[in-house]
């Protein structure tokens, strides 16, 4: 039996009379790429925020790498890489300077920062623009820099929210190739998307979201 990296039982979030996520049961195994598939507004982002400890559930239980995100958010943050749908950087700083700042925020030892930054940049194929200001980057380049941001702390779990949104098909294919590379290395990934063909291309299992409920869950054909 594979180790569960992430487990949710009866996870529910209500905002007044509105139920954003309704009785979610989810288990993700180590080394698995799991896709949350559904239209915008289906509850995928709210689910991710609960898993990260950024939103507290109305009821239910969740464990991420053995920690309760609502009670131990810093322990989860130290071990999980999160890439939101809109990645923010300091536009006046270079890619290298942004990543050095992020490395320091994450408490990476000073003697490891330079190596970690250069390795992450190389992984996402941005070495040629490492000293270029982030404000000059295209959407695709910013997404790759966002992935470098995630990789810099060697996370045990990566959560991505609509990572290919706004990318043209060629850039989206290239980005999915990078995710596939992480998958081959055994990285556990939770990927949110509204694009069925992209989820099919990269995920081992998929959960279909509709109006706050996971209505279907299974392997990708």
C-alpha atoms as a PDB file:
ATOM      1  CA  UNK A   1       0.000   0.000   0.000  1.00  0.00           C
ATOM      2  CA  UNK A   2       1.441   3.350  -1.048  1.00  0.00           C
ATOM      3  CA  UNK A   3       1.934   6.040   1.567  1.00  0.00           C
ATOM      4  CA  UNK A   4      -0.738   8.742   1.611  1.00  0.00           C
ATOM      5  CA  UNK A   5       0.893  12.136   1.346  1.00  0.00           C
ATOM      6  CA  UNK A   6      -2.420  13.968   1.537  1.00  0.00           C
ATOM      7  CA  UNK A   7      -5.729  12.861   3.011  1.00  0.00           C
ATOM      8  CA  UNK A   8      -9.022  14.734   3.390  1.00  0.00           C
ATOM      9  CA  UNK A   9     -12.155  13.387   5.060  1.00  0.00           C
ATOM     10  CA  UNK A  10     -15.498  15.157   4.855  1.00  0.00           C
ATOM     11  CA  UNK A  11     -13.843  18.474   4.067  1.00  0.00           C
ATOM     12  CA  UNK A  12     -16.473  21.217   3.839  1.00  0.00           C
ATOM     13  CA  UNK A  13     -16.323  24.984   3.552  1.00  0.00           C
ATOM     14  CA  UNK A  14     -19.345  27.270   3.817  1.00  0.00           C
ATOM     15  CA  UNK A  15     -19.564  31.033   3.367  1.00  0.00           C
ATOM     16  CA  UNK A  16     -22.909  31.915   4.903  1.00  0.00           C
ATOM     17  CA  UNK A  17     -25.508  29.892   2.994  1.00  0.00           C
ATOM     18  CA  UNK A  18     -23.094  29.141   0.144  1.00  0.00           C
ATOM     19  CA  UNK A  19     -21.223  25.827   0.217  1.00  0.00           C
ATOM     20  CA  UNK A  20     -17.934  26.210  -1.675  1.00  0.00           C
ATOM     21  CA  UNK A  21     -16.689  22.669  -0.984  1.00  0.00           C
ATOM     22  CA  UNK A  22     -19.071  19.930   0.109  1.00  0.00           C
ATOM     23  CA  UNK A  23     -17.979  16.740   1.942  1.00  0.00           C
ATOM     24  CA  UNK A  24     -14.697  16.155   0.099  1.00  0.00           C
ATOM     25  CA  UNK A  25     -12.919  12.828   0.546  1.00  0.00           C
ATOM     26  CA  UNK A  26      -9.500  12.659  -1.083  1.00  0.00           C
ATOM     27  CA  UNK A  27      -6.310  10.647  -0.758  1.00  0.00           C
ATOM     28  CA  UNK A  28      -3.116  11.236  -2.750  1.00  0.00           C
ATOM     29  CA  UNK A  29      -0.309   8.696  -2.703  1.00  0.00           C
ATOM     30  CA  UNK A  30       3.401   9.382  -2.682  1.00  0.00           C
ATOM     31  CA  UNK A  31       4.755   9.877  -6.209  1.00  0.00           C
ATOM     32  CA  UNK A  32       1.284  10.338  -7.705  1.00  0.00           C
ATOM     33  CA  UNK A  33       0.108  13.169  -9.941  1.00  0.00           C
ATOM     34  CA  UNK A  34      -3.531  13.862  -9.076  1.00  0.00           C
ATOM     35  CA  UNK A  35      -5.699  16.219 -11.101  1.00  0.00           C
ATOM     36  CA  UNK A  36      -8.564  18.330  -9.773  1.00  0.00           C
ATOM     37  CA  UNK A  37     -10.664  18.827 -12.893  1.00  0.00           C
ATOM     38  CA  UNK A  38     -13.603  21.187 -13.163  1.00  0.00           C
ATOM     39  CA  UNK A  39     -14.795  24.578 -14.407  1.00  0.00           C
ATOM     40  CA  UNK A  40     -13.826  27.830 -12.720  1.00  0.00           C
ATOM     41  CA  UNK A  41     -15.921  28.297  -9.586  1.00  0.00           C
ATOM     42  CA  UNK A  42     -16.316  24.556  -8.974  1.00  0.00           C
ATOM     43  CA  UNK A  43     -14.422  24.664  -5.659  1.00  0.00           C
ATOM     44  CA  UNK A  44     -10.935  23.633  -6.747  1.00  0.00           C
ATOM     45  CA  UNK A  45      -9.116  26.738  -5.475  1.00  0.00           C
ATOM     46  CA  UNK A  46     -11.007  26.733  -2.169  1.00  0.00           C
ATOM     47  CA  UNK A  47      -9.950  23.103  -1.716  1.00  0.00           C
ATOM     48  CA  UNK A  48      -6.308  24.006  -2.357  1.00  0.00           C
ATOM     49  CA  UNK A  49      -6.472  26.889   0.139  1.00  0.00           C
ATOM     50  CA  UNK A  50      -7.791  24.503   2.810  1.00  0.00           C
ATOM     51  CA  UNK A  51      -5.030  21.986   2.074  1.00  0.00           C
ATOM     52  CA  UNK A  52      -2.456  24.758   2.528  1.00  0.00           C
ATOM     53  CA  UNK A  53      -3.982  26.083   5.748  1.00  0.00           C
ATOM     54  CA  UNK A  54      -4.877  29.407   4.129  1.00  0.00           C
ATOM     55  CA  UNK A  55      -8.616  28.804   4.649  1.00  0.00           C
ATOM     56  CA  UNK A  56     -10.039  26.931   7.617  1.00  0.00           C
ATOM     57  CA  UNK A  57     -12.689  24.327   6.794  1.00  0.00           C
ATOM     58  CA  UNK A  58     -16.145  24.567   8.310  1.00  0.00           C
ATOM     59  CA  UNK A  59     -15.861  20.877   9.123  1.00  0.00           C
ATOM     60  CA  UNK A  60     -13.872  17.805   8.184  1.00  0.00           C
ATOM     61  CA  UNK A  61     -10.305  16.634   8.611  1.00  0.00           C
ATOM     62  CA  UNK A  62      -7.218  17.063   6.478  1.00  0.00           C
ATOM     63  CA  UNK A  63      -3.664  15.780   6.807  1.00  0.00           C
ATOM     64  CA  UNK A  64      -0.796  16.951   4.602  1.00  0.00           C
ATOM     65  CA  UNK A  65       2.464  15.047   5.117  1.00  0.00           C
ATOM     66  CA  UNK A  66       1.187  14.151   8.580  1.00  0.00           C
ATOM     67  CA  UNK A  67       0.346  17.736   9.573  1.00  0.00           C
ATOM     68  CA  UNK A  68      -2.969  19.537  10.060  1.00  0.00           C
ATOM     69  CA  UNK A  69      -2.749  22.634   7.814  1.00  0.00           C
ATOM     70  CA  UNK A  70      -5.191  24.622   9.961  1.00  0.00           C
ATOM     71  CA  UNK A  71      -3.193  23.965  13.165  1.00  0.00           C
ATOM     72  CA  UNK A  72       0.336  23.590  11.761  1.00  0.00           C
ATOM     73  CA  UNK A  73       0.450  25.839   8.670  1.00  0.00           C
ATOM     74  CA  UNK A  74       4.181  26.616   8.958  1.00  0.00           C
ATOM     75  CA  UNK A  75       5.065  22.910   9.018  1.00  0.00           C
ATOM     76  CA  UNK A  76       2.995  22.422   5.865  1.00  0.00           C
ATOM     77  CA  UNK A  77       4.453  25.528   4.193  1.00  0.00           C
ATOM     78  CA  UNK A  78       8.007  24.300   4.832  1.00  0.00           C
ATOM     79  CA  UNK A  79       7.350  21.035   2.993  1.00  0.00           C
ATOM     80  CA  UNK A  80       4.848  21.965   0.283  1.00  0.00           C
ATOM     81  CA  UNK A  81       5.485  24.015  -2.837  1.00  0.00           C
ATOM     82  CA  UNK A  82       2.479  26.078  -3.968  1.00  0.00           C
ATOM     83  CA  UNK A  83       2.114  27.660  -7.386  1.00  0.00           C
ATOM     84  CA  UNK A  84      -1.022  29.861  -7.644  1.00  0.00           C
ATOM     85  CA  UNK A  85      -2.722  30.688 -10.944  1.00  0.00           C
ATOM     86  CA  UNK A  86      -1.171  34.169 -10.860  1.00  0.00           C
ATOM     87  CA  UNK A  87       2.481  34.106  -9.807  1.00  0.00           C
ATOM     88  CA  UNK A  88       3.746  37.367  -8.298  1.00  0.00           C
ATOM     89  CA  UNK A  89       7.327  38.652  -8.453  1.00  0.00           C
ATOM     90  CA  UNK A  90       9.130  41.936  -7.832  1.00  0.00           C
ATOM     91  CA  UNK A  91       9.267  43.239 -11.395  1.00  0.00           C
ATOM     92  CA  UNK A  92      12.227  45.549 -10.759  1.00  0.00           C
ATOM     93  CA  UNK A  93      14.367  42.627  -9.537  1.00  0.00           C
ATOM     94  CA  UNK A  94      16.048  40.079 -11.785  1.00  0.00           C
ATOM     95  CA  UNK A  95      15.013  36.419 -11.820  1.00  0.00           C
ATOM     96  CA  UNK A  96      18.104  35.605  -9.758  1.00  0.00           C
ATOM     97  CA  UNK A  97      17.375  38.350  -7.203  1.00  0.00           C
ATOM     98  CA  UNK A  98      13.739  37.243  -6.857  1.00  0.00           C
ATOM     99  CA  UNK A  99      14.760  33.653  -6.198  1.00  0.00           C
ATOM    100  CA  UNK A 100      17.495  34.637  -3.727  1.00  0.00           C
ATOM    101  CA  UNK A 101      14.890  36.655  -1.809  1.00  0.00           C
ATOM    102  CA  UNK A 102      12.469  33.693  -1.865  1.00  0.00           C
ATOM    103  CA  UNK A 103      15.236  31.324  -0.723  1.00  0.00           C
ATOM    104  CA  UNK A 104      15.993  33.562   2.253  1.00  0.00           C
ATOM    105  CA  UNK A 105      12.283  33.815   3.139  1.00  0.00           C
ATOM    106  CA  UNK A 106      12.132  30.014   3.153  1.00  0.00           C
ATOM    107  CA  UNK A 107      15.074  29.812   5.544  1.00  0.00           C
ATOM    108  CA  UNK A 108      17.402  28.024   3.147  1.00  0.00           C
ATOM    109  CA  UNK A 109      20.943  28.020   4.588  1.00  0.00           C
ATOM    110  CA  UNK A 110      23.049  30.870   3.192  1.00  0.00           C
ATOM    111  CA  UNK A 111      25.729  28.548   1.824  1.00  0.00           C
ATOM    112  CA  UNK A 112      23.098  26.675  -0.236  1.00  0.00           C
ATOM    113  CA  UNK A 113      21.227  29.628  -1.720  1.00  0.00           C
ATOM    114  CA  UNK A 114      23.427  30.238  -4.789  1.00  0.00           C
ATOM    115  CA  UNK A 115      23.433  26.562  -5.801  1.00  0.00           C
ATOM    116  CA  UNK A 116      19.696  26.093  -5.200  1.00  0.00           C
ATOM    117  CA  UNK A 117      18.839  29.198  -7.234  1.00  0.00           C
ATOM    118  CA  UNK A 118      21.002  28.195 -10.186  1.00  0.00           C
ATOM    119  CA  UNK A 119      19.741  24.600 -10.134  1.00  0.00           C
ATOM    120  CA  UNK A 120      16.101  25.722 -10.063  1.00  0.00           C
ATOM    121  CA  UNK A 121      16.632  28.206 -12.898  1.00  0.00           C
ATOM    122  CA  UNK A 122      18.370  25.549 -14.976  1.00  0.00           C
ATOM    123  CA  UNK A 123      15.529  23.081 -14.357  1.00  0.00           C
ATOM    124  CA  UNK A 124      13.004  25.494 -15.852  1.00  0.00           C
ATOM    125  CA  UNK A 125      15.328  26.490 -18.721  1.00  0.00           C
ATOM    126  CA  UNK A 126      15.708  30.158 -17.812  1.00  0.00           C
ATOM    127  CA  UNK A 127      19.485  30.237 -17.271  1.00  0.00           C
ATOM    128  CA  UNK A 128      19.902  32.554 -20.254  1.00  0.00           C
ATOM    129  CA  UNK A 129      17.703  35.239 -18.616  1.00  0.00           C
ATOM    130  CA  UNK A 130      18.633  34.711 -14.959  1.00  0.00           C
ATOM    131  CA  UNK A 131      19.922  38.309 -14.691  1.00  0.00           C
ATOM    132  CA  UNK A 132      17.038  39.869 -16.607  1.00  0.00           C
ATOM    133  CA  UNK A 133      14.354  41.837 -14.743  1.00  0.00           C
ATOM    134  CA  UNK A 134      11.218  39.798 -14.019  1.00  0.00           C
ATOM    135  CA  UNK A 135       9.114  42.698 -15.292  1.00  0.00           C
ATOM    136  CA  UNK A 136      10.331  41.987 -18.831  1.00  0.00           C
ATOM    137  CA  UNK A 137       9.230  38.324 -18.719  1.00  0.00           C
ATOM    138  CA  UNK A 138       6.388  36.970 -20.814  1.00  0.00           C
ATOM    139  CA  UNK A 139       3.519  35.021 -19.219  1.00  0.00           C
ATOM    140  CA  UNK A 140       5.212  31.734 -20.107  1.00  0.00           C
ATOM    141  CA  UNK A 141       8.538  32.834 -18.625  1.00  0.00           C
ATOM    142  CA  UNK A 142       6.816  34.008 -15.437  1.00  0.00           C
ATOM    143  CA  UNK A 143       5.148  30.611 -15.088  1.00  0.00           C
ATOM    144  CA  UNK A 144       8.504  28.878 -15.439  1.00  0.00           C
ATOM    145  CA  UNK A 145      10.003  31.262 -12.878  1.00  0.00           C
ATOM    146  CA  UNK A 146       7.058  30.367 -10.638  1.00  0.00           C
ATOM    147  CA  UNK A 147       7.991  26.709 -10.937  1.00  0.00           C
ATOM    148  CA  UNK A 148      11.607  27.577 -10.043  1.00  0.00           C
ATOM    149  CA  UNK A 149      10.215  29.405  -6.989  1.00  0.00           C
ATOM    150  CA  UNK A 150       8.490  26.148  -5.966  1.00  0.00           C
ATOM    151  CA  UNK A 151      11.475  23.900  -6.674  1.00  0.00           C
ATOM    152  CA  UNK A 152      13.970  25.993  -4.702  1.00  0.00           C
ATOM    153  CA  UNK A 153      12.949  24.468  -1.355  1.00  0.00           C
ATOM    154  CA  UNK A 154      12.906  20.848  -2.601  1.00  0.00           C
ATOM    155  CA  UNK A 155       9.253  20.301  -1.626  1.00  0.00           C
ATOM    156  CA  UNK A 156       7.816  16.885  -0.768  1.00  0.00           C
ATOM    157  CA  UNK A 157       4.516  17.875  -2.388  1.00  0.00           C
ATOM    158  CA  UNK A 158       3.789  20.413  -5.128  1.00  0.00           C
ATOM    159  CA  UNK A 159       0.337  21.994  -5.520  1.00  0.00           C
ATOM    160  CA  UNK A 160      -0.368  23.873  -8.752  1.00  0.00           C
ATOM    161  CA  UNK A 161      -3.530  25.898  -9.427  1.00  0.00           C
ATOM    162  CA  UNK A 162      -4.237  26.260 -13.176  1.00  0.00           C
ATOM    163  CA  UNK A 163      -0.495  26.376 -14.060  1.00  0.00           C
ATOM    164  CA  UNK A 164      -1.040  26.566 -17.842  1.00  0.00           C
ATOM    165  CA  UNK A 165      -3.813  29.167 -17.788  1.00  0.00           C
ATOM    166  CA  UNK A 166      -3.138  31.920 -20.313  1.00  0.00           C
ATOM    167  CA  UNK A 167      -0.389  30.011 -22.109  1.00  0.00           C
ATOM    168  CA  UNK A 168      -0.595  29.255 -25.814  1.00  0.00           C
ATOM    169  CA  UNK A 169      -0.701  25.524 -26.744  1.00  0.00           C
ATOM    170  CA  UNK A 170       3.038  25.294 -27.454  1.00  0.00           C
ATOM    171  CA  UNK A 171       4.041  26.884 -24.133  1.00  0.00           C
ATOM    172  CA  UNK A 172       1.445  24.822 -22.269  1.00  0.00           C
ATOM    173  CA  UNK A 173       2.885  21.652 -23.823  1.00  0.00           C
ATOM    174  CA  UNK A 174       6.384  22.720 -22.767  1.00  0.00           C
ATOM    175  CA  UNK A 175       5.236  23.416 -19.204  1.00  0.00           C
ATOM    176  CA  UNK A 176       3.459  20.057 -18.988  1.00  0.00           C
ATOM    177  CA  UNK A 177       6.727  18.474 -20.113  1.00  0.00           C
ATOM    178  CA  UNK A 178       8.437  19.987 -17.072  1.00  0.00           C
ATOM    179  CA  UNK A 179       5.720  18.571 -14.814  1.00  0.00           C
ATOM    180  CA  UNK A 180       6.188  15.187 -16.496  1.00  0.00           C
ATOM    181  CA  UNK A 181       9.897  15.391 -15.675  1.00  0.00           C
ATOM    182  CA  UNK A 182       9.076  15.938 -11.991  1.00  0.00           C
ATOM    183  CA  UNK A 183       6.638  13.021 -12.139  1.00  0.00           C
ATOM    184  CA  UNK A 184       9.369  10.732 -13.477  1.00  0.00           C
ATOM    185  CA  UNK A 185      11.528  11.717 -10.501  1.00  0.00           C
ATOM    186  CA  UNK A 186       8.772  10.586  -8.128  1.00  0.00           C
ATOM    187  CA  UNK A 187       7.524  14.026  -7.071  1.00  0.00           C
ATOM    188  CA  UNK A 188       3.988  14.066  -5.658  1.00  0.00           C
ATOM    189  CA  UNK A 189       1.859  16.688  -7.428  1.00  0.00           C
ATOM    190  CA  UNK A 190      -1.686  17.989  -7.044  1.00  0.00           C
ATOM    191  CA  UNK A 191      -2.728  19.816 -10.193  1.00  0.00           C
ATOM    192  CA  UNK A 192      -5.872  21.901 -10.614  1.00  0.00           C
ATOM    193  CA  UNK A 193      -7.176  22.566 -14.132  1.00  0.00           C
ATOM    194  CA  UNK A 194     -10.318  23.065 -16.180  1.00  0.00           C
ATOM    195  CA  UNK A 195      -8.672  21.554 -19.286  1.00  0.00           C
ATOM    196  CA  UNK A 196      -9.437  17.843 -19.677  1.00  0.00           C
ATOM    197  CA  UNK A 197      -6.801  17.100 -22.325  1.00  0.00           C
ATOM    198  CA  UNK A 198      -4.011  18.554 -20.184  1.00  0.00           C
ATOM    199  CA  UNK A 199      -5.107  16.589 -17.124  1.00  0.00           C
ATOM    200  CA  UNK A 200      -5.260  13.413 -19.218  1.00  0.00           C
ATOM    201  CA  UNK A 201      -1.741  14.057 -20.509  1.00  0.00           C
ATOM    202  CA  UNK A 202      -0.063  14.276 -17.116  1.00  0.00           C
ATOM    203  CA  UNK A 203      -2.181  12.854 -14.274  1.00  0.00           C
ATOM    204  CA  UNK A 204      -2.357   9.322 -12.837  1.00  0.00           C
ATOM    205  CA  UNK A 205      -5.783   9.918 -11.301  1.00  0.00           C
ATOM    206  CA  UNK A 206      -8.428  12.629 -11.608  1.00  0.00           C
ATOM    207  CA  UNK A 207     -11.199  13.958  -9.396  1.00  0.00           C
ATOM    208  CA  UNK A 208     -14.039  15.714 -11.225  1.00  0.00           C
ATOM    209  CA  UNK A 209     -15.379  18.769  -9.401  1.00  0.00           C
ATOM    210  CA  UNK A 210     -18.856  20.193  -9.936  1.00  0.00           C
ATOM    211  CA  UNK A 211     -20.544  22.810  -7.759  1.00  0.00           C
ATOM    212  CA  UNK A 212     -18.295  22.141  -4.780  1.00  0.00           C
ATOM    213  CA  UNK A 213     -18.551  18.353  -4.871  1.00  0.00           C
ATOM    214  CA  UNK A 214     -16.152  15.745  -6.208  1.00  0.00           C
ATOM    215  CA  UNK A 215     -18.636  13.785  -8.280  1.00  0.00           C
ATOM    216  CA  UNK A 216     -16.234  11.306  -9.869  1.00  0.00           C
ATOM    217  CA  UNK A 217     -12.759  10.010  -9.073  1.00  0.00           C
ATOM    218  CA  UNK A 218     -10.613   7.514 -10.889  1.00  0.00           C
ATOM    219  CA  UNK A 219      -7.676   6.696 -13.158  1.00  0.00           C
ATOM    220  CA  UNK A 220      -7.097   8.540 -16.428  1.00  0.00           C
ATOM    221  CA  UNK A 221      -7.988   6.483 -19.508  1.00  0.00           C
END
